[in-house]
N, C-alpha and C. Protein backbone atom coordinates (compact mmCIF):
# COMPACT_ATOMS: atom_id res chain seq x y z
N MET A 1 231.30 79.12 201.21
CA MET A 1 230.69 79.26 202.56
C MET A 1 230.10 77.99 202.95
N ILE A 2 230.17 77.64 204.24
CA ILE A 2 229.74 76.35 204.84
C ILE A 2 228.35 76.81 205.51
N HIS A 3 227.14 75.87 205.18
CA HIS A 3 226.01 76.17 205.81
C HIS A 3 225.41 74.89 206.57
N GLY A 4 224.60 74.97 207.53
CA GLY A 4 223.68 74.16 208.03
C GLY A 4 224.70 73.02 208.63
N ASP A 5 224.27 71.66 208.19
CA ASP A 5 224.81 70.45 208.57
C ASP A 5 226.33 70.42 208.40
N ASN A 6 226.71 70.97 207.14
CA ASN A 6 228.16 71.07 206.81
C ASN A 6 228.96 71.94 207.90
N LEU A 7 228.37 73.00 208.32
CA LEU A 7 228.97 73.82 209.43
C LEU A 7 229.21 73.07 210.61
N LYS A 8 228.19 72.33 211.05
CA LYS A 8 228.36 71.53 212.34
C LYS A 8 229.37 70.48 212.12
N LYS A 9 229.51 69.82 210.92
CA LYS A 9 230.49 68.83 210.62
C LYS A 9 231.87 69.54 210.72
N GLU A 10 232.09 70.61 210.13
CA GLU A 10 233.38 71.39 210.19
C GLU A 10 233.78 71.74 211.58
N ILE A 11 232.82 72.24 212.35
CA ILE A 11 233.13 72.61 213.77
C ILE A 11 233.62 71.32 214.58
N ILE A 12 232.89 70.18 214.41
CA ILE A 12 233.23 69.02 215.14
C ILE A 12 234.61 68.66 214.58
N ARG A 13 234.87 68.66 213.26
CA ARG A 13 236.29 68.28 212.82
C ARG A 13 237.31 69.24 213.51
N MET A 14 237.07 70.46 213.54
CA MET A 14 237.98 71.45 213.99
C MET A 14 238.19 71.23 215.59
N LYS A 15 237.23 70.91 216.36
CA LYS A 15 237.33 70.59 217.58
C LYS A 15 238.25 69.36 217.94
N GLY A 16 238.05 68.34 217.14
CA GLY A 16 238.85 67.13 217.14
C GLY A 16 240.26 67.53 216.82
N LYS A 17 240.59 68.41 215.89
CA LYS A 17 242.01 68.75 215.70
C LYS A 17 242.50 69.48 216.84
N ILE A 18 241.80 70.34 217.37
CA ILE A 18 242.34 71.25 218.53
C ILE A 18 242.53 70.26 219.59
N SER A 19 241.68 69.32 219.90
CA SER A 19 241.84 68.36 220.92
C SER A 19 243.15 67.62 220.90
N VAL A 20 243.40 67.03 219.70
CA VAL A 20 244.58 66.29 219.36
C VAL A 20 245.79 67.20 219.60
N LEU A 21 245.78 68.40 219.07
CA LEU A 21 246.87 69.43 219.09
C LEU A 21 247.12 69.67 220.56
N SER A 22 246.03 69.89 221.38
CA SER A 22 246.28 70.28 222.84
C SER A 22 246.85 69.00 223.53
N LEU A 23 246.50 67.83 223.20
CA LEU A 23 247.00 66.66 223.74
C LEU A 23 248.47 66.45 223.52
N LEU A 24 248.85 66.68 222.21
CA LEU A 24 250.26 66.70 221.90
C LEU A 24 251.06 67.66 222.50
N LEU A 25 250.59 68.83 222.68
CA LEU A 25 251.28 69.95 223.29
C LEU A 25 251.53 69.62 224.81
N SER A 26 250.44 69.09 225.38
CA SER A 26 250.51 68.80 226.84
C SER A 26 251.67 67.55 226.95
N ILE A 27 251.67 66.61 226.12
CA ILE A 27 252.57 65.45 226.36
C ILE A 27 254.00 66.11 226.12
N ILE A 28 254.35 67.03 225.16
CA ILE A 28 255.66 67.56 224.96
C ILE A 28 255.88 68.42 226.14
N LEU A 29 254.90 69.08 226.75
CA LEU A 29 255.27 69.92 227.96
C LEU A 29 255.64 69.04 229.05
N ILE A 30 254.82 68.01 229.32
CA ILE A 30 255.09 67.08 230.44
C ILE A 30 256.51 66.45 230.31
N ALA A 31 256.73 65.98 229.08
CA ALA A 31 257.98 65.21 228.81
C ALA A 31 259.28 66.25 229.00
N SER A 32 259.15 67.35 228.70
CA SER A 32 260.17 68.40 228.94
C SER A 32 260.37 68.67 230.38
N VAL A 33 259.25 68.76 231.08
CA VAL A 33 259.48 68.98 232.62
C VAL A 33 260.11 67.82 233.25
N ASN A 34 259.57 66.69 232.72
CA ASN A 34 260.17 65.32 233.42
C ASN A 34 261.67 65.22 233.06
N SER A 35 262.07 65.47 231.88
CA SER A 35 263.36 65.32 231.56
C SER A 35 264.37 66.36 232.35
N ALA A 36 263.84 67.51 232.51
CA ALA A 36 264.58 68.63 233.28
C ALA A 36 264.67 68.03 234.68
N ALA A 37 263.74 67.45 235.18
CA ALA A 37 263.71 66.97 236.64
C ALA A 37 264.60 65.74 236.85
N ALA A 38 264.72 64.93 235.65
CA ALA A 38 265.37 63.61 235.75
C ALA A 38 266.86 63.82 235.32
N SER A 39 267.49 65.01 235.18
CA SER A 39 268.78 65.19 234.93
C SER A 39 269.50 65.78 235.99
N PRO A 40 269.80 64.93 237.01
CA PRO A 40 270.36 65.40 238.31
C PRO A 40 271.76 65.93 238.08
N LEU A 41 272.27 66.71 239.06
CA LEU A 41 273.64 67.25 239.00
C LEU A 41 274.50 65.80 239.35
N THR A 42 275.79 65.93 238.90
CA THR A 42 276.59 64.76 239.19
C THR A 42 277.37 65.12 240.33
N ALA A 43 277.55 64.24 241.43
CA ALA A 43 278.30 64.48 242.49
C ALA A 43 279.79 64.73 242.10
N THR A 44 280.42 65.70 242.88
CA THR A 44 281.93 65.85 242.61
C THR A 44 282.65 65.72 243.84
N ILE A 45 283.75 65.02 243.71
CA ILE A 45 284.75 64.91 244.81
C ILE A 45 285.87 65.80 244.39
N ASN A 46 286.34 66.76 245.15
CA ASN A 46 287.31 67.69 244.58
C ASN A 46 288.36 68.05 245.84
N VAL A 47 289.52 68.19 245.44
CA VAL A 47 290.61 68.64 246.29
C VAL A 47 290.52 70.15 246.28
N ASP A 48 290.59 70.76 247.59
CA ASP A 48 290.50 72.30 247.63
C ASP A 48 291.72 72.76 248.56
N PRO A 49 292.47 73.69 248.10
CA PRO A 49 292.40 74.43 246.77
C PRO A 49 292.81 73.43 245.60
N ARG A 50 292.54 74.02 244.42
CA ARG A 50 292.82 73.17 243.27
C ARG A 50 294.35 73.53 242.84
N TYR A 51 294.93 74.63 243.11
CA TYR A 51 296.18 74.88 242.80
C TYR A 51 296.81 75.53 244.10
N LEU A 52 298.17 75.13 244.41
CA LEU A 52 298.84 75.55 245.54
C LEU A 52 300.30 75.61 245.28
N GLU A 53 300.85 76.66 245.89
CA GLU A 53 302.32 76.81 245.78
C GLU A 53 302.87 76.88 247.31
N ALA A 54 303.82 76.02 247.55
CA ALA A 54 304.34 76.00 248.82
C ALA A 54 305.82 75.79 248.81
N ASP A 55 306.59 76.31 249.75
CA ASP A 55 308.03 76.21 249.82
C ASP A 55 308.36 74.90 250.56
N VAL A 56 309.64 74.42 250.13
CA VAL A 56 310.07 73.28 250.68
C VAL A 56 310.17 73.44 252.25
N GLY A 57 309.62 72.51 252.94
CA GLY A 57 309.60 72.45 254.49
C GLY A 57 308.20 73.14 255.00
N GLU A 58 307.49 73.73 254.03
CA GLU A 58 306.18 74.34 254.50
C GLU A 58 305.08 73.34 254.65
N ILE A 59 304.38 73.37 255.66
CA ILE A 59 303.10 72.65 255.89
C ILE A 59 302.00 73.33 255.28
N PHE A 60 301.17 72.49 254.54
CA PHE A 60 299.91 72.96 254.00
C PHE A 60 298.84 71.82 254.20
N THR A 61 297.55 72.57 254.20
CA THR A 61 296.42 71.57 254.35
C THR A 61 295.50 71.69 253.06
N VAL A 62 294.99 70.52 252.79
CA VAL A 62 293.95 70.28 251.58
C VAL A 62 292.78 69.76 252.28
N LYS A 63 291.63 70.12 251.67
CA LYS A 63 290.30 69.62 252.12
C LYS A 63 289.84 68.77 250.88
N ILE A 64 289.35 67.62 251.25
CA ILE A 64 288.59 66.77 250.20
C ILE A 64 287.15 67.09 250.45
N ASN A 65 286.50 67.68 249.38
CA ASN A 65 285.02 68.05 249.56
C ASN A 65 284.26 67.18 248.62
N ILE A 66 282.90 67.04 248.92
CA ILE A 66 281.89 66.63 247.92
C ILE A 66 280.90 67.45 247.73
N THR A 67 280.38 67.78 246.45
CA THR A 67 279.32 68.66 246.15
C THR A 67 278.28 68.00 245.37
N ASN A 68 277.01 68.46 245.37
CA ASN A 68 275.92 68.05 244.43
C ASN A 68 275.42 66.76 244.74
N VAL A 69 275.41 66.34 246.00
CA VAL A 69 274.90 65.04 246.38
C VAL A 69 273.26 65.18 246.46
N GLU A 70 272.57 64.62 245.58
CA GLU A 70 271.10 64.77 245.71
C GLU A 70 270.47 63.48 246.16
N ASP A 71 269.03 63.53 246.40
CA ASP A 71 268.37 62.42 246.85
C ASP A 71 268.45 61.32 245.92
N PRO A 72 268.57 60.01 246.38
CA PRO A 72 268.34 59.63 247.86
C PRO A 72 269.47 59.81 248.64
N GLY A 73 270.60 60.38 248.27
CA GLY A 73 271.69 60.64 249.18
C GLY A 73 272.82 59.62 249.10
N LEU A 74 273.94 60.11 249.71
CA LEU A 74 275.05 59.16 249.88
C LEU A 74 275.10 58.47 251.17
N TYR A 75 275.21 57.00 251.13
CA TYR A 75 274.99 56.17 252.17
C TYR A 75 276.46 55.68 252.69
N SER A 76 277.47 55.54 251.64
CA SER A 76 278.86 54.95 251.90
C SER A 76 279.65 55.51 250.90
N TYR A 77 280.92 55.71 251.32
CA TYR A 77 281.90 56.21 250.27
C TYR A 77 283.27 55.58 250.74
N GLY A 78 284.15 55.60 249.68
CA GLY A 78 285.58 55.13 249.95
C GLY A 78 286.40 55.87 248.75
N PHE A 79 287.61 56.28 248.95
CA PHE A 79 288.33 56.78 247.99
C PHE A 79 289.94 56.77 248.42
N THR A 80 290.79 56.88 247.49
CA THR A 80 292.09 57.04 247.77
C THR A 80 292.69 58.34 247.26
N LEU A 81 293.41 59.06 248.05
CA LEU A 81 294.22 60.27 247.59
C LEU A 81 295.63 59.83 247.42
N SER A 82 296.00 60.01 246.19
CA SER A 82 297.50 59.68 245.84
C SER A 82 298.25 60.96 245.77
N TYR A 83 299.60 60.96 246.05
CA TYR A 83 300.45 62.01 245.89
C TYR A 83 301.93 61.54 245.53
N ASN A 84 302.57 62.33 244.97
CA ASN A 84 303.99 62.06 244.58
C ASN A 84 305.02 62.22 245.75
N THR A 85 305.56 61.19 246.28
CA THR A 85 306.36 61.16 247.36
C THR A 85 307.75 61.89 247.27
N THR A 86 308.05 62.22 245.97
CA THR A 86 309.27 62.99 245.88
C THR A 86 309.03 64.45 246.19
N TYR A 87 307.84 64.89 246.15
CA TYR A 87 307.62 66.36 246.38
C TYR A 87 306.79 66.58 247.65
N VAL A 88 306.01 65.75 248.13
CA VAL A 88 305.27 66.01 249.42
C VAL A 88 305.22 64.74 250.29
N ASN A 89 304.99 65.06 251.56
CA ASN A 89 304.77 63.93 252.43
C ASN A 89 303.50 64.26 253.28
N VAL A 90 302.87 63.11 253.67
CA VAL A 90 301.61 63.35 254.55
C VAL A 90 302.06 63.58 255.99
N THR A 91 301.59 64.49 256.65
CA THR A 91 301.80 64.64 258.18
C THR A 91 300.59 64.35 259.00
N LYS A 92 299.51 64.42 258.42
CA LYS A 92 298.21 64.23 259.13
C LYS A 92 296.97 63.90 258.11
N ALA A 93 296.21 63.06 258.39
CA ALA A 93 295.02 62.71 257.62
C ALA A 93 293.80 62.39 258.55
N GLU A 94 292.76 63.16 258.44
CA GLU A 94 291.64 62.98 259.37
C GLU A 94 290.22 63.39 258.76
N TYR A 95 289.24 63.14 259.64
CA TYR A 95 287.76 63.54 259.30
C TYR A 95 287.61 64.66 260.22
N PRO A 96 287.62 65.87 259.79
CA PRO A 96 287.39 67.03 260.74
C PRO A 96 286.07 67.14 261.35
N ALA A 97 285.90 67.87 262.45
CA ALA A 97 284.55 68.16 263.11
C ALA A 97 283.80 68.76 262.04
N GLY A 98 282.49 68.36 262.04
CA GLY A 98 281.49 68.76 260.98
C GLY A 98 281.55 68.13 259.57
N HIS A 99 282.29 67.05 259.56
CA HIS A 99 282.45 66.46 258.11
C HIS A 99 281.20 65.98 257.65
N PHE A 100 281.05 65.60 256.49
CA PHE A 100 279.91 65.29 255.66
C PHE A 100 279.12 64.22 256.41
N PHE A 101 279.80 63.20 257.00
CA PHE A 101 279.16 62.10 257.68
C PHE A 101 279.05 62.19 259.12
N GLU A 102 279.33 63.28 259.69
CA GLU A 102 279.26 63.46 261.18
C GLU A 102 277.82 63.34 261.64
N GLY A 103 277.76 62.59 262.78
CA GLY A 103 276.53 62.50 263.46
C GLY A 103 275.65 61.26 262.98
N GLY A 104 274.48 60.96 263.72
CA GLY A 104 273.68 59.87 263.34
C GLY A 104 274.55 58.58 263.61
N SER A 105 274.25 57.59 262.82
CA SER A 105 274.82 56.30 262.84
C SER A 105 276.06 56.17 262.03
N ALA A 106 276.50 57.20 261.50
CA ALA A 106 277.63 57.18 260.56
C ALA A 106 278.96 56.53 261.34
N PHE A 107 279.70 55.83 260.38
CA PHE A 107 280.92 55.30 260.94
C PHE A 107 282.04 55.57 259.92
N THR A 108 283.10 56.21 260.43
CA THR A 108 284.41 56.47 259.75
C THR A 108 285.38 55.47 259.89
N VAL A 109 286.09 55.04 258.81
CA VAL A 109 287.28 54.19 258.98
C VAL A 109 288.40 55.10 259.10
N PRO A 110 289.28 54.88 260.19
CA PRO A 110 290.47 55.81 260.37
C PRO A 110 291.30 55.75 259.05
N ALA A 111 291.82 56.94 258.64
CA ALA A 111 292.62 57.13 257.30
C ALA A 111 293.81 56.08 257.31
N ILE A 112 293.81 55.41 256.23
CA ILE A 112 295.02 54.49 256.17
C ILE A 112 296.03 55.11 255.22
N LEU A 113 297.28 55.27 255.84
CA LEU A 113 298.38 55.97 255.13
C LEU A 113 299.44 54.89 254.58
N ASP A 114 299.74 55.05 253.35
CA ASP A 114 300.63 54.09 252.88
C ASP A 114 301.86 55.17 252.28
N TYR A 115 302.87 55.41 253.00
CA TYR A 115 303.93 56.27 252.73
C TYR A 115 304.71 55.93 251.57
N ALA A 116 304.98 54.45 251.39
CA ALA A 116 305.67 54.06 250.36
C ALA A 116 305.01 54.33 249.00
N LYS A 117 303.76 54.04 248.83
CA LYS A 117 302.98 54.17 247.63
C LYS A 117 302.63 55.64 247.50
N GLY A 118 302.58 56.47 248.51
CA GLY A 118 302.10 57.81 248.41
C GLY A 118 300.63 57.82 248.43
N GLU A 119 299.86 57.18 249.21
CA GLU A 119 298.35 57.13 249.14
C GLU A 119 297.83 57.21 250.53
N VAL A 120 296.64 57.68 250.66
CA VAL A 120 295.71 57.80 251.78
C VAL A 120 294.51 57.29 251.48
N LEU A 121 293.94 56.30 252.23
CA LEU A 121 292.60 55.77 251.95
C LEU A 121 291.69 56.28 252.94
N PHE A 122 290.47 56.75 252.62
CA PHE A 122 289.38 57.17 253.35
C PHE A 122 288.10 56.31 253.25
N GLY A 123 287.31 56.18 254.11
CA GLY A 123 286.03 55.47 253.92
C GLY A 123 285.18 55.81 255.07
N ALA A 124 283.84 55.83 254.80
CA ALA A 124 282.72 56.04 255.82
C ALA A 124 281.52 55.44 255.34
N SER A 125 280.63 55.07 256.24
CA SER A 125 279.27 54.52 255.97
C SER A 125 278.36 54.93 257.00
N ILE A 126 277.08 55.09 256.64
CA ILE A 126 275.95 55.03 257.53
C ILE A 126 275.55 53.72 257.85
N LEU A 127 275.33 53.50 259.19
CA LEU A 127 274.89 52.22 259.77
C LEU A 127 273.31 52.26 260.12
N GLY A 128 272.71 51.21 259.67
CA GLY A 128 271.25 51.07 260.13
C GLY A 128 270.32 51.94 259.16
N ASP A 129 269.13 52.10 259.64
CA ASP A 129 268.12 52.73 258.85
C ASP A 129 268.02 54.20 258.81
N GLU A 130 268.96 54.86 258.18
CA GLU A 130 269.09 56.31 258.14
C GLU A 130 269.02 56.72 256.63
N PRO A 131 268.48 57.90 256.33
CA PRO A 131 268.56 58.26 254.85
C PRO A 131 270.02 58.72 254.57
N GLY A 132 270.40 58.60 253.28
CA GLY A 132 271.62 59.08 252.79
C GLY A 132 271.59 60.52 253.02
N ARG A 133 272.93 61.03 253.02
CA ARG A 133 273.31 62.44 253.19
C ARG A 133 273.22 63.18 251.74
N THR A 134 272.67 64.35 251.80
CA THR A 134 272.58 65.16 250.52
C THR A 134 273.31 66.44 250.81
N GLY A 135 273.46 67.15 249.69
CA GLY A 135 274.15 68.51 249.78
C GLY A 135 275.56 68.40 249.44
N SER A 136 276.27 69.30 250.19
CA SER A 136 277.81 69.37 249.95
C SER A 136 278.53 69.44 251.39
N GLY A 137 279.70 69.23 251.44
CA GLY A 137 280.59 69.09 252.65
C GLY A 137 281.95 68.71 252.47
N ILE A 138 282.63 68.77 253.62
CA ILE A 138 283.96 68.21 253.69
C ILE A 138 284.13 66.74 254.04
N LEU A 139 284.79 65.97 253.29
CA LEU A 139 284.94 64.39 253.62
C LEU A 139 286.06 64.36 254.52
N SER A 140 287.16 64.88 254.17
CA SER A 140 288.31 64.83 255.04
C SER A 140 289.40 65.99 254.79
N ILE A 141 290.40 66.04 255.68
CA ILE A 141 291.43 66.99 255.44
C ILE A 141 292.87 66.20 255.56
N VAL A 142 293.67 66.73 254.80
CA VAL A 142 295.09 66.19 254.74
C VAL A 142 296.08 67.23 254.91
N ASN A 143 297.08 67.11 255.84
CA ASN A 143 298.24 68.09 255.94
C ASN A 143 299.36 67.45 255.27
N PHE A 144 300.14 68.20 254.50
CA PHE A 144 301.30 67.81 253.92
C PHE A 144 302.45 68.78 254.12
N THR A 145 303.68 68.26 253.93
CA THR A 145 304.95 69.07 253.97
C THR A 145 305.62 69.02 252.56
N GLY A 146 305.94 70.08 252.05
CA GLY A 146 306.76 70.19 250.87
C GLY A 146 308.10 69.63 251.03
N LEU A 147 308.64 68.71 250.26
CA LEU A 147 309.83 68.06 250.31
C LEU A 147 310.91 68.47 249.45
N SER A 148 310.48 68.76 248.17
CA SER A 148 311.52 69.24 247.32
C SER A 148 310.96 70.15 246.18
N VAL A 149 311.67 70.90 245.44
CA VAL A 149 311.32 71.82 244.39
C VAL A 149 310.70 70.88 243.23
N GLY A 150 309.58 71.33 242.73
CA GLY A 150 309.00 70.71 241.55
C GLY A 150 307.58 70.80 241.35
N LEU A 151 306.97 70.09 240.48
CA LEU A 151 305.48 70.19 240.23
C LEU A 151 304.95 68.78 240.39
N ALA A 152 303.74 68.68 241.18
CA ALA A 152 303.20 67.36 241.45
C ALA A 152 301.68 67.58 241.56
N SER A 153 300.89 66.61 241.48
CA SER A 153 299.40 66.72 241.65
C SER A 153 299.00 65.67 242.66
N LEU A 154 297.90 66.01 243.55
CA LEU A 154 297.18 65.06 244.33
C LEU A 154 296.03 64.64 243.51
N LYS A 155 295.83 63.38 243.41
CA LYS A 155 294.76 62.74 242.71
C LYS A 155 293.82 61.93 243.62
N ILE A 156 292.61 62.06 243.24
CA ILE A 156 291.50 61.24 243.77
C ILE A 156 291.18 60.00 242.84
N LYS A 157 291.41 58.88 243.41
CA LYS A 157 291.26 57.56 242.67
C LYS A 157 290.56 56.55 243.37
N GLU A 158 290.16 55.37 242.62
CA GLU A 158 289.46 54.30 243.33
C GLU A 158 288.24 54.71 244.23
N VAL A 159 287.47 55.53 243.51
CA VAL A 159 286.29 55.97 244.32
C VAL A 159 285.22 55.06 244.26
N THR A 160 284.45 54.97 245.35
CA THR A 160 283.16 54.32 245.36
C THR A 160 282.17 55.13 246.13
N LEU A 161 281.03 55.52 245.58
CA LEU A 161 280.02 56.37 246.15
C LEU A 161 278.75 55.39 246.11
N LEU A 162 278.12 55.19 247.19
CA LEU A 162 276.97 54.29 247.10
C LEU A 162 275.70 55.06 247.69
N TYR A 163 274.48 54.78 247.00
CA TYR A 163 273.20 55.22 247.39
C TYR A 163 272.77 54.29 248.58
N PRO A 164 271.80 54.66 249.33
CA PRO A 164 271.13 53.79 250.33
C PRO A 164 270.89 52.37 249.86
N ASN A 165 270.45 52.17 248.61
CA ASN A 165 270.13 50.87 248.09
C ASN A 165 271.36 50.02 247.70
N GLY A 166 272.53 50.60 247.72
CA GLY A 166 273.75 49.88 247.43
C GLY A 166 274.21 50.12 246.02
N THR A 167 273.50 50.82 245.09
CA THR A 167 273.89 51.00 243.73
C THR A 167 274.91 52.18 243.81
N GLU A 168 275.81 52.26 242.70
CA GLU A 168 276.88 53.07 242.67
C GLU A 168 276.33 54.52 242.16
N MET A 169 276.79 55.56 242.69
CA MET A 169 276.56 56.90 242.32
C MET A 169 277.46 57.43 241.30
N ALA A 170 276.95 58.17 240.25
CA ALA A 170 277.93 58.71 239.28
C ALA A 170 278.70 59.96 239.97
N TYR A 171 279.75 60.07 239.47
CA TYR A 171 280.73 61.21 240.23
C TYR A 171 281.61 61.70 239.15
N ASN A 172 282.23 62.94 239.54
CA ASN A 172 283.32 63.51 238.85
C ASN A 172 284.37 63.83 240.03
N THR A 173 285.69 63.85 239.59
CA THR A 173 286.71 64.33 240.49
C THR A 173 287.51 65.43 239.82
N ASN A 174 288.44 66.03 240.66
CA ASN A 174 289.29 66.93 240.23
C ASN A 174 290.59 66.89 241.16
N CYS A 175 291.58 67.20 240.68
CA CYS A 175 292.91 67.07 241.46
C CYS A 175 293.51 68.53 241.85
N LEU A 176 294.51 68.34 242.58
CA LEU A 176 295.39 69.71 242.99
C LEU A 176 296.56 69.70 242.27
N LEU A 177 296.91 70.72 241.76
CA LEU A 177 298.34 70.87 241.25
C LEU A 177 299.30 71.63 242.32
N TYR A 178 300.25 71.01 242.80
CA TYR A 178 301.10 71.55 243.69
C TYR A 178 302.39 71.93 243.11
N THR A 179 303.04 72.95 243.44
CA THR A 179 304.22 73.39 243.01
C THR A 179 305.01 73.83 244.21
N SER A 180 306.35 73.73 244.03
CA SER A 180 307.37 74.28 244.94
C SER A 180 308.23 75.08 244.08
N PRO A 181 308.31 76.38 244.27
CA PRO A 181 309.32 77.16 243.49
C PRO A 181 310.82 76.88 243.96
N SER A 182 311.67 77.24 242.95
CA SER A 182 313.04 77.17 243.28
C SER A 182 313.37 78.29 244.40
N PRO A 183 314.29 77.84 245.21
CA PRO A 183 314.64 78.79 246.31
C PRO A 183 315.03 80.15 245.75
N ARG A 184 314.66 81.26 246.41
CA ARG A 184 315.06 82.63 246.03
C ARG A 184 316.41 82.83 246.65
N ASP A 185 317.32 83.57 245.79
CA ASP A 185 318.61 83.86 246.36
C ASP A 185 318.48 85.44 246.83
C-alpha cells in the first residue's frame, strides 16, 4: 500500500503517463484524419458506353467523360481518341452544349481529325484568372459509322490534364470495346 509522499509521487507519475498516452493517441488520430483527407480520388477519363454493338452502316455516338476532378480543379486538358479505321469511321467530333469547360473564359480547340491514323485530338483551356473546374462532366462527343464486321476498341491516349498552377494531374482512362456482328441471314 502506498502512503503519504509516495502516494503523491505515484499520482504525479501516473498523470505523466496518461498525458503522454493522450498525446500519442491525439497524434495518431490527427494523422489518420489527415491521411484520409490527403488521399483524393483520381480523375478518370472514360468512353461512354464502355461496350457497344452496332451493325455495319449504323451510326453510333460515344461520349468522352471526366469524373472525380477535385480541388484545385482542372485548368487545361488535351487527349487523343484513337480508333481502328478498318471497323469504324468518325463522322462528327465536337464539344456538346453543357460540356465540362463551357462558360467563363474557357477556350476549346476545334477537334482535329486524322482519318488516316484513326485519331481525333481534343483540347481545351481556361484563360485568365479563373479557378479550375471540379466535379464530373462531358468533355466531347464523337459519332462513328460501323464499317465492317469485327471487334475493335476506342482508346484514350496522349492525355494531359493540368491544374491551375500548371502541374500535371494524375488520371485513369478506360476504353470502349466495339463489335459489329456478322450479318444475320
